[in-house]
Protein backbone atom coordinates (compact mmCIF):
# COMPACT_ATOMS: atom_id res chain seq x y z
CA MET A 1 89.86 138.15 46.60
CA LEU A 2 88.65 140.69 44.07
CA PRO A 3 86.83 141.52 40.78
CA SER A 4 87.42 139.97 37.42
CA SER A 5 90.78 139.54 35.74
CA PRO A 6 92.36 136.68 33.80
CA VAL A 7 93.57 133.73 35.81
CA LEU A 8 97.30 133.78 36.30
CA PRO A 9 99.18 130.51 35.97
CA ARG A 10 100.02 128.78 39.20
CA ARG A 11 103.70 129.09 40.01
CA LEU A 12 105.89 126.78 42.04
CA GLY A 13 108.44 129.48 42.65
CA SER A 14 111.74 128.99 44.39
CA ALA A 15 110.05 127.28 47.32
CA SER A 16 110.54 123.92 45.69
CA ALA A 17 114.28 123.99 46.34
CA LEU A 18 113.74 124.97 49.92
CA ALA A 19 111.08 122.35 50.42
CA ALA A 20 113.69 119.78 49.52
CA LEU A 21 115.52 120.92 52.62
CA LEU A 22 112.30 120.49 54.59
CA LEU A 23 112.03 124.13 55.58
CA VAL A 24 110.90 127.54 54.63
CA THR A 25 110.60 130.31 57.19
CA GLY A 26 109.88 131.44 60.67
CA CYS A 27 107.32 133.46 62.58
CA GLY A 28 106.84 132.11 66.00
CA GLY A 29 104.47 132.12 68.82
CA GLY A 30 106.73 130.47 71.35
CA GLY A 31 109.72 132.82 71.41
CA THR A 32 110.61 135.64 73.74
CA GLY A 33 110.25 138.05 70.86
CA ARG A 34 106.44 138.12 70.94
CA ALA A 35 104.17 140.80 72.28
CA ASP A 36 103.37 140.38 75.96
CA PRO A 37 99.78 139.85 77.20
CA ALA A 38 99.11 143.59 77.12
CA GLY A 39 99.63 143.44 73.39
CA SER A 40 97.76 140.25 72.63
CA PRO A 41 94.69 140.32 70.39
CA SER A 42 91.28 140.81 71.85
CA ALA A 43 88.55 138.24 71.27
CA SER A 44 87.18 140.34 68.44
CA THR A 45 90.32 139.64 66.40
CA THR A 46 89.85 135.89 66.27
CA GLY A 47 88.15 134.16 63.42
CA ALA A 48 85.65 132.59 65.80
CA SER A 49 84.67 135.90 67.33
CA THR A 50 84.34 138.14 64.31
CA SER A 51 81.00 139.77 63.76
CA SER A 52 78.83 140.07 60.67
CA THR A 53 79.50 137.39 58.12
CA THR A 54 78.26 137.67 54.57
CA SER A 55 77.24 134.62 52.62
CA ALA A 56 80.04 132.84 50.82
CA SER A 57 80.44 133.65 47.17
CA ALA A 58 80.18 130.66 44.89
CA THR A 59 83.21 131.77 42.88
CA SER A 60 86.28 133.89 43.32
CA PRO A 61 85.60 137.65 43.54
CA ALA A 62 88.50 138.17 41.15
CA ASN A 63 87.66 135.49 38.62
CA PRO A 64 83.93 134.78 38.81
CA HIS A 65 83.94 132.34 35.92
CA VAL A 66 86.67 130.08 37.23
CA ALA A 67 85.06 126.91 38.51
CA ASP A 68 87.84 125.99 40.93
CA ALA A 69 88.41 129.48 42.27
CA GLN A 70 88.84 130.01 45.98
CA GLN A 71 85.67 130.96 47.85
CA PHE A 72 85.51 133.84 50.31
CA THR A 73 83.21 135.21 52.98
CA GLY A 74 83.07 138.74 54.28
CA LYS A 75 84.12 139.52 57.85
CA ASP A 76 83.63 142.81 59.68
CA PHE A 77 86.44 143.33 62.18
CA GLY A 78 85.29 146.84 63.11
CA ASP A 79 87.53 148.42 60.52
CA GLY A 80 85.72 147.53 57.33
CA GLN A 81 85.05 144.35 55.40
CA VAL A 82 87.81 141.81 55.05
CA ARG A 83 87.57 138.74 52.84
CA GLN A 84 88.16 135.44 54.57
CA THR A 85 88.87 132.01 53.17
CA VAL A 86 90.00 128.64 54.46
CA LEU A 87 92.78 127.62 52.13
CA VAL A 88 93.78 124.00 51.65
CA GLY A 89 97.36 124.24 50.44
CA ALA A 90 97.86 122.29 47.26
CA ARG A 91 101.61 121.96 47.82
CA SER A 92 101.79 121.87 51.62
CA GLY A 93 98.65 119.93 52.54
CA VAL A 94 98.17 122.47 55.35
CA THR A 95 94.75 124.06 55.94
CA MET A 96 94.66 127.54 57.48
CA THR A 97 92.66 130.75 57.25
CA VAL A 98 93.75 133.65 55.08
CA TRP A 99 92.27 137.14 55.17
CA VAL A 100 92.52 139.60 52.28
CA TRP A 101 91.63 143.28 52.13
CA THR A 102 91.42 145.28 48.94
CA PRO A 103 91.57 149.09 48.76
CA PRO A 104 88.62 151.12 47.43
CA GLN A 105 90.47 151.62 44.13
CA TYR A 106 90.30 147.91 43.48
CA ASP A 107 86.59 148.13 42.68
CA ASP A 108 86.84 151.53 40.97
CA PRO A 109 86.03 151.20 37.24
CA ARG A 110 89.02 153.40 36.47
CA TYR A 111 91.26 150.62 37.82
CA ALA A 112 89.34 147.75 36.28
CA HIS A 113 92.35 146.75 34.18
CA SER A 114 95.05 147.42 36.74
CA ASP A 115 97.15 145.06 38.85
CA PHE A 116 97.79 146.19 42.41
CA PRO A 117 100.82 146.01 44.68
CA VAL A 118 100.44 143.44 47.44
CA LEU A 119 101.70 143.19 51.01
CA PHE A 120 101.95 139.91 52.93
CA LEU A 121 101.49 140.74 56.61
CA TYR A 122 102.22 138.57 59.65
CA PRO A 123 101.04 139.24 63.23
CA GLY A 124 102.69 139.12 66.61
CA GLY A 125 102.06 136.20 68.94
CA ASP A 126 101.26 132.75 67.63
CA GLY A 127 98.96 133.89 64.85
CA ALA A 128 96.70 130.85 65.24
CA SER A 129 93.07 131.76 64.37
CA TYR A 130 93.80 135.50 64.14
CA ASN A 131 95.93 138.12 62.43
CA ASN A 132 96.34 141.53 64.11
CA TRP A 133 96.59 143.30 60.76
CA THR A 134 92.92 142.62 59.99
CA ASP A 135 91.41 145.04 62.51
CA ARG A 136 92.01 148.00 64.78
CA SER A 137 94.75 146.21 66.73
CA TYR A 138 97.19 147.84 64.31
CA SER A 139 94.69 150.04 62.36
CA ALA A 140 96.52 149.02 59.20
CA LEU A 141 93.39 149.04 57.02
CA ASP A 142 92.50 152.53 58.13
CA VAL A 143 95.99 153.84 57.35
CA VAL A 144 95.97 152.38 53.84
CA ARG A 145 92.39 153.48 53.16
CA THR A 146 93.02 157.07 54.22
CA GLY A 147 96.49 157.29 52.72
CA SER A 148 95.52 155.86 49.35
CA ALA A 149 92.64 158.35 49.17
CA ASN A 150 94.91 161.37 49.69
CA GLY A 151 97.79 159.95 47.65
CA SER A 152 100.28 159.49 50.48
CA VAL A 153 100.05 155.67 50.44
CA LEU A 154 99.80 153.25 47.53
CA PRO A 155 96.54 151.28 47.23
CA PHE A 156 97.87 147.98 48.49
CA VAL A 157 96.09 144.64 48.55
CA LEU A 158 96.76 143.25 52.03
CA VAL A 159 97.15 139.50 52.52
CA MET A 160 97.02 138.35 56.15
CA PRO A 161 97.34 134.61 56.84
CA GLU A 162 97.40 132.61 60.01
CA MET A 163 100.92 131.69 61.12
CA GLN A 164 100.42 128.44 63.07
CA VAL A 165 98.05 125.51 62.72
CA SER A 166 97.53 125.66 66.50
CA LYS A 167 98.67 127.77 69.43
CA ASP A 168 100.80 124.96 70.80
CA LEU A 169 102.64 124.03 67.61
CA ASP A 170 105.18 126.78 66.96
CA THR A 171 106.87 125.82 63.71
CA GLU A 172 108.04 129.40 63.09
CA CYS A 173 106.56 129.46 59.57
CA THR A 174 108.98 126.71 58.62
CA ASP A 175 108.69 123.20 57.22
CA LEU A 176 110.26 121.55 60.24
CA PRO A 177 110.89 117.83 59.79
CA GLY A 178 107.96 115.80 61.02
CA GLU A 179 105.65 118.82 61.41
CA PRO A 180 102.99 120.43 59.16
CA ALA A 181 104.53 122.18 56.17
CA VAL A 182 103.52 125.68 57.31
CA GLY A 183 106.50 127.18 55.51
CA THR A 184 105.37 125.87 52.12
CA PHE A 185 101.82 126.98 52.88
CA LEU A 186 102.90 130.58 53.49
CA ASP A 187 105.70 130.63 50.96
CA THR A 188 103.98 128.96 48.02
CA ASP A 189 100.28 128.17 48.54
CA VAL A 190 99.20 131.60 49.77
CA PRO A 191 101.03 133.58 47.03
CA THR A 192 99.70 131.19 44.40
CA MET A 193 96.13 131.69 45.59
CA VAL A 194 96.58 135.46 45.63
CA ARG A 195 97.92 135.54 42.09
CA ASP A 196 95.17 133.23 40.85
CA ASP A 197 92.28 135.07 42.46
CA PHE A 198 93.32 138.73 42.64
CA ARG A 199 94.57 141.40 40.31
CA VAL A 200 98.01 141.82 41.84
CA THR A 201 101.35 142.62 40.28
CA ALA A 202 103.89 139.92 39.55
CA PRO A 203 106.44 139.11 42.26
CA GLY A 204 109.20 141.66 42.55
CA ARG A 205 108.93 145.43 42.87
CA GLY A 206 105.20 145.25 43.60
CA TRP A 207 105.44 142.81 46.51
CA GLY A 208 106.32 143.64 50.10
CA THR A 209 106.16 141.82 53.41
CA ALA A 210 106.05 142.94 57.02
CA GLY A 211 105.52 141.54 60.47
CA ALA A 212 105.58 142.42 64.13
CA SER A 213 107.55 140.43 66.69
CA SER A 214 107.24 136.76 65.66
CA GLY A 215 105.63 137.92 62.43
CA ALA A 216 108.74 139.97 61.68
CA TYR A 217 110.79 136.79 61.79
CA CYS A 218 108.38 135.27 59.29
CA ALA A 219 108.53 138.24 56.93
CA ALA A 220 112.32 138.49 56.99
CA ALA A 221 112.88 134.76 56.58
CA ILE A 222 110.50 134.28 53.65
CA ALA A 223 111.82 137.34 51.85
CA LEU A 224 115.46 136.33 52.29
CA ARG A 225 114.72 132.82 51.06
CA HIS A 226 112.99 134.24 48.00
CA PRO A 227 114.69 137.59 47.41
CA GLU A 228 113.57 137.77 43.79
CA ASP A 229 109.91 137.88 44.88
CA TYR A 230 110.00 140.93 47.16
CA GLY A 231 110.74 144.61 46.75
CA ALA A 232 110.78 145.73 50.40
CA VAL A 233 110.60 144.29 53.93
CA VAL A 234 109.60 145.82 57.28
CA SER A 235 110.41 144.32 60.67
CA ILE A 236 108.62 145.71 63.73
CA ALA A 237 110.29 144.63 66.99
CA GLY A 238 111.52 141.50 65.26
CA TYR A 239 113.96 138.73 66.05
CA PHE A 240 116.03 136.86 63.51
CA ASP A 241 116.99 133.51 65.03
CA MET A 242 114.31 130.90 65.55
CA GLU A 243 112.70 131.00 69.01
CA THR A 244 110.53 127.90 69.04
CA ASN A 245 110.87 125.25 71.73
CA LEU A 246 110.67 122.49 69.11
CA PRO A 247 113.96 120.58 68.92
CA GLN A 248 114.11 120.70 65.12
CA ARG A 249 115.31 124.32 65.41
CA LYS A 250 118.78 122.90 66.12
CA ASP A 251 118.91 121.00 62.83
CA PRO A 252 121.85 122.49 60.86
CA ALA A 253 119.73 122.66 57.71
CA VAL A 254 117.12 124.68 59.60
CA GLN A 255 119.70 126.98 61.13
CA ALA A 256 121.14 127.63 57.67
CA LEU A 257 117.83 129.26 56.76
CA TYR A 258 117.60 131.59 59.74
CA PRO A 259 117.50 135.24 58.60
CA THR A 260 120.80 135.81 60.42
CA ALA A 261 122.40 133.08 58.29
CA LEU A 262 120.90 134.30 55.02
CA ALA A 263 121.51 138.01 55.51
CA ALA A 264 125.23 137.85 54.81
CA GLN A 265 124.86 135.97 51.51
CA GLY A 266 124.21 139.09 49.46
CA ARG A 267 121.35 137.57 47.46
CA ALA A 268 118.77 140.14 48.51
CA GLY A 269 118.48 143.47 46.74
CA PHE A 270 115.59 145.00 48.62
CA PRO A 271 115.51 147.69 51.32
CA VAL A 272 114.72 146.60 54.88
CA LEU A 273 113.21 148.86 57.54
CA LEU A 274 113.92 147.70 61.10
CA LEU A 275 111.70 149.37 63.69
CA ALA A 276 112.36 149.02 67.42
CA GLY A 277 111.18 150.82 70.54
CA THR A 278 113.75 152.39 72.84
CA ALA A 279 111.92 151.04 75.90
CA SER A 280 112.65 147.50 74.64
CA PRO A 281 116.46 147.41 74.46
CA ASP A 282 116.57 143.79 73.29
CA ASP A 283 114.57 144.79 70.20
CA VAL A 284 116.98 147.65 69.53
CA THR A 285 120.00 145.36 69.82
CA ARG A 286 118.46 142.78 67.50
CA ALA A 287 117.62 145.41 64.88
CA GLN A 288 121.08 146.96 64.94
CA ARG A 289 122.87 143.62 64.76
CA PHE A 290 120.71 142.39 61.91
CA ALA A 291 121.29 145.61 59.97
CA GLN A 292 125.03 144.97 60.21
CA LEU A 293 124.60 141.45 58.85
CA LEU A 294 122.82 142.47 55.65
CA ARG A 295 125.04 142.80 52.60
CA PRO A 296 124.63 144.85 49.40
CA PRO A 297 122.68 145.18 47.29
CA ALA A 298 120.23 144.95 50.22
CA THR A 299 120.02 148.05 52.38
CA ALA A 300 119.01 148.41 56.02
CA GLU A 301 117.45 151.33 57.87
CA VAL A 302 117.10 151.17 61.65
CA SER A 303 114.40 153.46 63.04
CA LEU A 304 114.04 153.83 66.80
CA GLN A 305 110.64 154.62 68.26
CA GLN A 306 111.23 156.82 71.28
CA GLY A 307 109.57 155.22 74.30
CA GLY A 308 108.22 152.40 72.17
CA GLN A 309 107.67 149.04 73.86
CA HIS A 310 107.15 145.47 72.72
CA LEU A 311 103.40 146.00 72.75
CA THR A 312 100.60 146.14 70.20
CA THR A 313 99.99 149.78 71.11
CA SER A 314 103.52 150.67 70.03
CA PHE A 315 103.23 148.57 66.88
CA LYS A 316 100.05 150.46 66.00
CA ALA A 317 101.79 153.80 66.38
CA VAL A 318 104.34 153.05 63.63
CA MET A 319 101.81 152.00 60.98
CA PRO A 320 101.99 155.32 59.07
CA GLN A 321 105.77 154.90 58.86
CA VAL A 322 105.42 151.29 57.71
CA PHE A 323 103.13 152.09 54.79
CA ALA A 324 105.05 155.24 53.85
CA PHE A 325 108.18 153.09 53.54
CA PHE A 326 106.44 150.58 51.30
CA SER A 327 104.97 153.39 49.21
CA ARG A 328 108.44 154.83 48.59
CA HIS A 329 110.00 151.55 47.56
CA LEU A 330 107.29 149.54 45.80
CA SER A 331 105.63 150.15 42.45
CA GLY A 332 102.00 151.26 42.22
CA PRO A 333 99.12 149.83 40.17
CA THR A 334 100.12 148.79 36.68
CA PRO A 335 98.12 147.88 33.54
CA SER A 336 97.05 144.25 33.65
């Protein structure tokens, strides 16, 4: 998703062990934790409705001489150009769209030999054919662009995948038995593509993940399953037990990988910011209970948004806080 740098080796990561259990993580579209219709994306946020499309590049923007590099097109979501690709997951066999945005510094000659911190961002709702982080629904790009220019926010590469293969198949970002391996796609295939095709830091202190509502479940679950890969996590109005109507959610092996089950294991060492609006008491209760479940060396910070609701408008209002948190806890660009 960006200019030239050496190809990084493809990694299997810790997902392989989890795949053996036929799961990986959750971010739903079917649960009660999603944004209500007032917070759902407008037509302009869907892949089918986006405006100006640039011609597809024949090679990766990061590695133009790599024959098998991922190809991208440019999409204008009203908040600047975002790179779009349809990724066929080598490990999962799942095909879904992934959007990537790079900060202005990425193409600055002064950073030509730098690797950038990366955030994996998951939307509210079902996340099928759209991702709210790509446009003015959350205004995330604008916050990072402005903040990185004045030095208040790190210049993050933002990675924004779909969460479901269809609106009606809510696998909660998990490899549920008998269903598409969406968990492996998000957990392994997307990070592998990002490392291959973009100048991003190695997993760890330069990687963060965040989500809103169902996307918060996804972010928390993936990070807790792979705690060595992430340096910080943000949950916005999230829930932490699977809320799909698919019966596989009751499988004991699946339940063992719920964020609530993993939090008490003490494997995670990253800070977690849990945001909840006071006008949505269920969100407040979930955040407070999850904070109590986390064990050192992980840390939890609960931040209440006065008058905040389970709506996209409230999610948008906390974006400066989200990126300030990541900027405090993650490392900045480093020499390649």
